[in-house]
N, C-alpha and C. Protein backbone atom coordinates (compact mmCIF):
# COMPACT_ATOMS: atom_id res chain seq x y z
N UNK A 1 7.85 9.47 -6.98
CA UNK A 1 7.07 10.68 -7.04
C UNK A 1 5.59 10.29 -7.03
N UNK A 2 4.78 11.02 -6.28
CA UNK A 2 3.34 10.77 -6.13
C UNK A 2 2.63 11.33 -7.35
N UNK A 3 2.22 10.45 -8.26
CA UNK A 3 1.56 10.88 -9.49
C UNK A 3 0.27 10.09 -9.69
N UNK A 4 -0.58 10.61 -10.55
CA UNK A 4 -1.80 9.89 -10.91
C UNK A 4 -1.45 8.57 -11.59
N UNK A 5 -0.36 8.55 -12.35
CA UNK A 5 0.07 7.32 -13.02
C UNK A 5 0.47 6.25 -12.00
N UNK A 6 1.21 6.63 -10.95
CA UNK A 6 1.60 5.68 -9.91
C UNK A 6 0.37 5.16 -9.16
N UNK A 7 -0.57 6.02 -8.91
CA UNK A 7 -1.80 5.61 -8.23
C UNK A 7 -2.55 4.58 -9.09
N UNK A 8 -2.63 4.82 -10.39
CA UNK A 8 -3.29 3.87 -11.29
C UNK A 8 -2.52 2.56 -11.38
N UNK A 9 -1.20 2.63 -11.42
CA UNK A 9 -0.37 1.42 -11.43
C UNK A 9 -0.62 0.59 -10.18
N UNK A 10 -0.80 1.25 -9.05
CA UNK A 10 -1.09 0.55 -7.79
C UNK A 10 -2.43 -0.17 -7.89
N UNK A 11 -3.45 0.50 -8.40
CA UNK A 11 -4.76 -0.13 -8.58
C UNK A 11 -4.66 -1.37 -9.47
N UNK A 12 -3.99 -1.21 -10.60
CA UNK A 12 -3.87 -2.30 -11.57
C UNK A 12 -3.05 -3.46 -11.01
N UNK A 13 -2.00 -3.16 -10.27
CA UNK A 13 -1.16 -4.19 -9.69
C UNK A 13 -1.98 -5.11 -8.80
N UNK A 14 -2.82 -4.54 -7.94
CA UNK A 14 -3.57 -5.35 -6.99
C UNK A 14 -4.78 -6.04 -7.62
N UNK A 15 -5.05 -5.81 -8.90
CA UNK A 15 -6.09 -6.58 -9.58
C UNK A 15 -5.65 -8.03 -9.76
N UNK A 16 -4.33 -8.26 -9.83
CA UNK A 16 -3.80 -9.59 -10.10
C UNK A 16 -2.85 -10.13 -9.05
N UNK A 17 -2.45 -9.30 -8.12
CA UNK A 17 -1.45 -9.72 -7.14
C UNK A 17 -2.01 -9.59 -5.72
N UNK A 18 -1.47 -10.38 -4.80
CA UNK A 18 -1.94 -10.36 -3.42
C UNK A 18 -0.96 -9.71 -2.45
N UNK A 19 0.14 -9.17 -2.95
CA UNK A 19 1.10 -8.56 -2.06
C UNK A 19 2.09 -7.69 -2.81
N UNK A 20 2.69 -6.73 -2.08
CA UNK A 20 3.66 -5.83 -2.70
C UNK A 20 4.41 -5.05 -1.63
N UNK A 21 5.61 -4.60 -1.99
CA UNK A 21 6.31 -3.62 -1.18
C UNK A 21 5.67 -2.27 -1.45
N UNK A 22 5.48 -1.49 -0.40
CA UNK A 22 4.75 -0.23 -0.50
C UNK A 22 5.60 0.92 0.02
N UNK A 23 5.29 2.12 -0.46
CA UNK A 23 5.90 3.35 0.04
C UNK A 23 4.78 4.31 0.38
N UNK A 24 4.95 5.00 1.51
CA UNK A 24 3.97 6.00 1.92
C UNK A 24 4.53 7.37 1.56
N UNK A 25 3.79 8.10 0.76
CA UNK A 25 4.23 9.41 0.33
C UNK A 25 3.79 10.44 1.37
N UNK A 26 4.70 11.29 1.76
CA UNK A 26 4.42 12.28 2.77
C UNK A 26 5.39 12.16 3.93
N UNK A 27 5.65 10.91 4.34
CA UNK A 27 6.61 10.74 5.43
C UNK A 27 7.60 9.61 5.16
N UNK A 28 7.62 9.11 3.94
CA UNK A 28 8.62 8.14 3.48
C UNK A 28 8.66 6.85 4.28
N UNK A 29 7.53 6.40 4.80
CA UNK A 29 7.49 5.08 5.44
C UNK A 29 7.47 4.02 4.36
N UNK A 30 7.91 2.83 4.72
CA UNK A 30 7.89 1.69 3.81
C UNK A 30 7.16 0.54 4.48
N UNK A 31 6.43 -0.24 3.68
CA UNK A 31 5.68 -1.35 4.25
C UNK A 31 5.58 -2.51 3.28
N UNK A 32 5.10 -3.62 3.81
CA UNK A 32 4.80 -4.79 3.01
C UNK A 32 3.30 -5.01 3.11
N UNK A 33 2.64 -5.03 1.96
CA UNK A 33 1.19 -5.19 1.92
C UNK A 33 0.83 -6.60 1.46
N UNK A 34 -0.07 -7.23 2.20
CA UNK A 34 -0.60 -8.54 1.81
C UNK A 34 -2.11 -8.51 1.98
N UNK A 35 -2.78 -9.29 1.16
CA UNK A 35 -4.23 -9.40 1.23
C UNK A 35 -4.57 -10.53 2.20
N UNK A 36 -5.25 -10.20 3.30
CA UNK A 36 -5.61 -11.17 4.33
C UNK A 36 -7.10 -11.04 4.61
N UNK A 37 -7.83 -12.12 4.38
CA UNK A 37 -9.27 -12.13 4.65
C UNK A 37 -10.00 -10.94 4.01
N UNK A 38 -9.61 -10.61 2.78
CA UNK A 38 -10.27 -9.55 2.05
C UNK A 38 -9.85 -8.14 2.43
N UNK A 39 -8.84 -8.01 3.31
CA UNK A 39 -8.34 -6.70 3.70
C UNK A 39 -6.89 -6.55 3.27
N UNK A 40 -6.53 -5.35 2.89
CA UNK A 40 -5.15 -5.03 2.54
C UNK A 40 -4.45 -4.62 3.83
N UNK A 41 -3.47 -5.41 4.24
CA UNK A 41 -2.78 -5.19 5.51
C UNK A 41 -1.34 -4.80 5.20
N UNK A 42 -0.96 -3.62 5.65
CA UNK A 42 0.40 -3.12 5.44
C UNK A 42 1.13 -3.16 6.78
N UNK A 43 2.27 -3.87 6.79
CA UNK A 43 3.12 -3.94 7.97
C UNK A 43 4.36 -3.09 7.72
N UNK A 44 4.73 -2.32 8.70
CA UNK A 44 5.90 -1.45 8.60
C UNK A 44 7.16 -2.27 8.33
N UNK A 45 7.96 -1.85 7.35
CA UNK A 45 9.20 -2.54 7.03
C UNK A 45 10.35 -2.05 7.88
N UNK A 46 10.14 -0.99 8.61
CA UNK A 46 11.18 -0.46 9.49
C UNK A 46 11.02 -1.15 10.85
N UNK A 47 11.35 -0.49 11.92
CA UNK A 47 11.33 -1.13 13.23
C UNK A 47 10.12 -0.76 14.08
N UNK A 48 9.22 0.07 13.58
CA UNK A 48 8.12 0.55 14.41
C UNK A 48 7.10 -0.54 14.72
N UNK A 49 6.94 -1.50 13.79
CA UNK A 49 5.95 -2.54 13.98
C UNK A 49 4.52 -2.10 13.71
N UNK A 50 4.34 -0.89 13.18
CA UNK A 50 3.00 -0.39 12.88
C UNK A 50 2.33 -1.24 11.81
N UNK A 51 1.01 -1.34 11.90
CA UNK A 51 0.21 -2.08 10.92
C UNK A 51 -0.99 -1.24 10.55
N UNK A 52 -1.29 -1.18 9.25
CA UNK A 52 -2.45 -0.45 8.75
C UNK A 52 -3.33 -1.42 7.97
N UNK A 53 -4.64 -1.29 8.10
CA UNK A 53 -5.58 -2.15 7.39
C UNK A 53 -6.52 -1.31 6.55
N UNK A 54 -6.79 -1.80 5.33
CA UNK A 54 -7.68 -1.09 4.41
C UNK A 54 -8.63 -2.09 3.75
N UNK A 55 -9.86 -1.66 3.54
CA UNK A 55 -10.84 -2.49 2.86
C UNK A 55 -10.67 -2.45 1.35
N UNK A 56 -10.20 -1.33 0.83
CA UNK A 56 -10.09 -1.12 -0.62
C UNK A 56 -8.72 -0.57 -0.99
N UNK A 57 -8.27 -0.88 -2.20
CA UNK A 57 -7.02 -0.32 -2.71
C UNK A 57 -7.11 1.21 -2.72
N UNK A 58 -8.25 1.74 -3.12
CA UNK A 58 -8.41 3.20 -3.15
C UNK A 58 -8.27 3.83 -1.77
N UNK A 59 -8.63 3.09 -0.72
CA UNK A 59 -8.44 3.60 0.65
C UNK A 59 -6.96 3.73 0.97
N UNK A 60 -6.15 2.74 0.53
CA UNK A 60 -4.70 2.81 0.73
C UNK A 60 -4.12 4.01 -0.01
N UNK A 61 -4.55 4.16 -1.25
CA UNK A 61 -4.03 5.26 -2.08
C UNK A 61 -4.42 6.60 -1.47
N UNK A 62 -5.65 6.72 -1.04
CA UNK A 62 -6.11 7.97 -0.42
C UNK A 62 -5.29 8.31 0.82
N UNK A 63 -4.81 7.29 1.52
CA UNK A 63 -4.00 7.48 2.71
C UNK A 63 -2.53 7.72 2.39
N UNK A 64 -2.15 7.65 1.10
CA UNK A 64 -0.80 7.98 0.69
C UNK A 64 0.10 6.80 0.34
N UNK A 65 -0.45 5.58 0.29
CA UNK A 65 0.35 4.39 -0.04
C UNK A 65 0.29 4.08 -1.53
N UNK A 66 1.42 3.60 -2.06
CA UNK A 66 1.51 3.14 -3.45
C UNK A 66 2.58 2.07 -3.54
N UNK A 67 2.56 1.31 -4.62
CA UNK A 67 3.59 0.27 -4.79
C UNK A 67 4.95 0.93 -4.89
N UNK A 68 5.95 0.22 -4.36
CA UNK A 68 7.31 0.76 -4.34
C UNK A 68 8.11 0.13 -5.47
């Protein structure tokens, strides 16, 4: 469920970790996020092969991503 608590947990998680399984709220996509060269890069875990890049954790959250 997309909650303020989950959004905060996502922020706190990435303070100490460089990667996580992610879920996109709104269309139920799943991804794997890793920190590469200072950017948060999410690769689709399904078959689409889509990739999203974010400069900040808050940018990911604003786009609907959170830790799974």
